[in-house]
Amino acid sequence: MQRAVRTVMVMNLNLRADEGDVFEFFGPRVGALNDIKIIKDKNTKRSKGIAYVEFQTVESAIAALSLNGQLLLNMPVLVKPSEAEKVGG
C-alpha cells in the first residue's frame, strides 16, 4: 500500500504532454519521482489526458496535490490522490 500513498493521478493533461513534460512539472517543485505512466488509448496509442505519477516519498506526493490547477503546457491540471489498483503495476 505504500506505493498507493506515494502516487497521484493527474487529469486534464495536455494531449501532447509526454513523460518529460510531467517530470519537469513535478520534479523541481515537489521532489524525486519514481515512475510516470501516461494512459494511452489501446488502438491509437494517443494520450487520454490522464497520468499516474509515483513519488519517492509520501511527503512529495502530498506536496504534488498542491499543484492542482497549475498550468502544464497551458492547461490547468487536476491532481488527486490515487489507488494502487488503478496504477496497474
Protein backbone atom coordinates (compact mmCIF):
# COMPACT_ATOMS: atom_id res chain seq x y z
CA MET A 1 0.00 0.00 0.00
CA GLN A 2 2.98 2.35 0.42
CA ARG A 3 3.08 2.80 -3.34
CA ALA A 4 -0.57 3.90 -3.37
CA VAL A 5 0.04 6.76 -0.97
CA ARG A 6 3.06 7.92 -2.98
CA THR A 7 1.07 8.06 -6.23
CA VAL A 8 -1.13 10.84 -7.60
CA MET A 9 -3.47 10.87 -10.57
CA VAL A 10 -3.13 13.79 -12.98
CA MET A 11 -6.14 14.60 -15.16
CA ASN A 12 -6.84 17.19 -17.87
CA LEU A 13 -3.30 16.62 -19.10
CA ASN A 14 -2.48 18.28 -22.41
CA LEU A 15 -2.71 15.51 -25.02
CA ARG A 16 0.74 16.49 -26.33
CA ALA A 17 2.37 16.12 -22.90
CA ASP A 18 4.89 13.32 -22.54
CA GLU A 19 6.70 11.84 -19.54
CA GLY A 20 9.40 14.50 -19.79
CA ASP A 21 6.84 17.29 -19.54
CA VAL A 22 5.25 15.69 -16.49
CA PHE A 23 8.68 15.17 -14.91
CA GLU A 24 9.61 18.83 -15.45
CA PHE A 25 6.28 19.95 -13.99
CA PHE A 26 6.57 17.98 -10.74
CA GLY A 27 10.26 17.22 -10.16
CA PRO A 28 11.68 20.67 -9.39
CA ARG A 29 8.63 21.65 -7.34
CA VAL A 30 7.96 18.65 -5.12
CA GLY A 31 10.83 16.18 -5.23
CA ALA A 32 12.06 12.97 -6.79
CA LEU A 33 9.77 10.80 -8.89
CA ASN A 34 9.87 7.02 -9.20
CA ASP A 35 7.57 6.49 -12.17
CA ILE A 36 5.30 8.29 -14.63
CA LYS A 37 2.61 6.42 -16.56
CA ILE A 38 0.57 8.30 -19.16
CA ILE A 39 -2.60 6.42 -20.01
CA LYS A 40 -2.98 5.88 -23.74
CA ASP A 41 -5.72 4.56 -25.98
CA LYS A 42 -5.05 0.91 -26.83
CA ASN A 43 -5.81 1.36 -30.52
CA THR A 44 -4.49 4.80 -31.40
CA LYS A 45 -1.70 4.96 -28.77
CA ARG A 46 -2.72 8.58 -28.13
CA SER A 47 -2.83 10.05 -24.65
CA LYS A 48 -6.15 10.05 -22.83
CA GLY A 49 -5.08 13.09 -20.82
CA ILE A 50 -4.51 11.09 -17.63
CA ALA A 51 -1.25 10.15 -15.93
CA TYR A 52 -0.21 8.40 -12.72
CA VAL A 53 2.87 9.80 -11.03
CA GLU A 54 4.67 7.88 -8.28
CA PHE A 55 6.98 9.83 -6.00
CA GLN A 56 9.80 8.54 -3.81
CA THR A 57 8.20 9.84 -0.62
CA VAL A 58 4.71 10.34 0.75
CA GLU A 59 5.65 13.94 1.51
CA SER A 60 6.39 14.60 -2.16
CA ALA A 61 3.05 13.09 -3.18
CA ILE A 62 1.25 15.31 -0.67
CA ALA A 63 3.14 18.34 -1.96
CA ALA A 64 2.15 17.40 -5.53
CA LEU A 65 -1.52 17.75 -4.58
CA SER A 66 -0.89 21.46 -4.01
CA LEU A 67 -0.17 21.84 -7.75
CA ASN A 68 -3.82 21.17 -8.57
CA GLY A 69 -4.97 23.82 -11.04
CA GLN A 70 -1.45 24.85 -12.11
CA LEU A 71 -0.69 25.09 -15.83
CA LEU A 72 1.16 22.33 -17.66
CA LEU A 73 1.58 23.13 -21.36
CA ASN A 74 -1.02 25.90 -21.00
CA MET A 75 -3.69 23.65 -19.46
CA PRO A 76 -4.72 23.56 -15.78
CA VAL A 77 -4.18 20.05 -14.47
CA LEU A 78 -6.20 18.26 -11.81
CA VAL A 79 -4.01 16.45 -9.27
CA LYS A 80 -5.71 13.92 -6.99
CA PRO A 81 -4.72 11.04 -4.71
CA SER A 82 -4.61 7.66 -6.42
CA GLU A 83 -5.14 4.00 -5.53
CA ALA A 84 -2.59 1.30 -6.32
CA GLU A 85 -5.01 -0.91 -8.24
CA LYS A 86 -5.51 1.89 -10.79
CA VAL A 87 -1.79 2.17 -11.47
CA GLY A 88 -1.69 -1.31 -12.98
CA GLY A 89 1.66 -2.08 -11.61
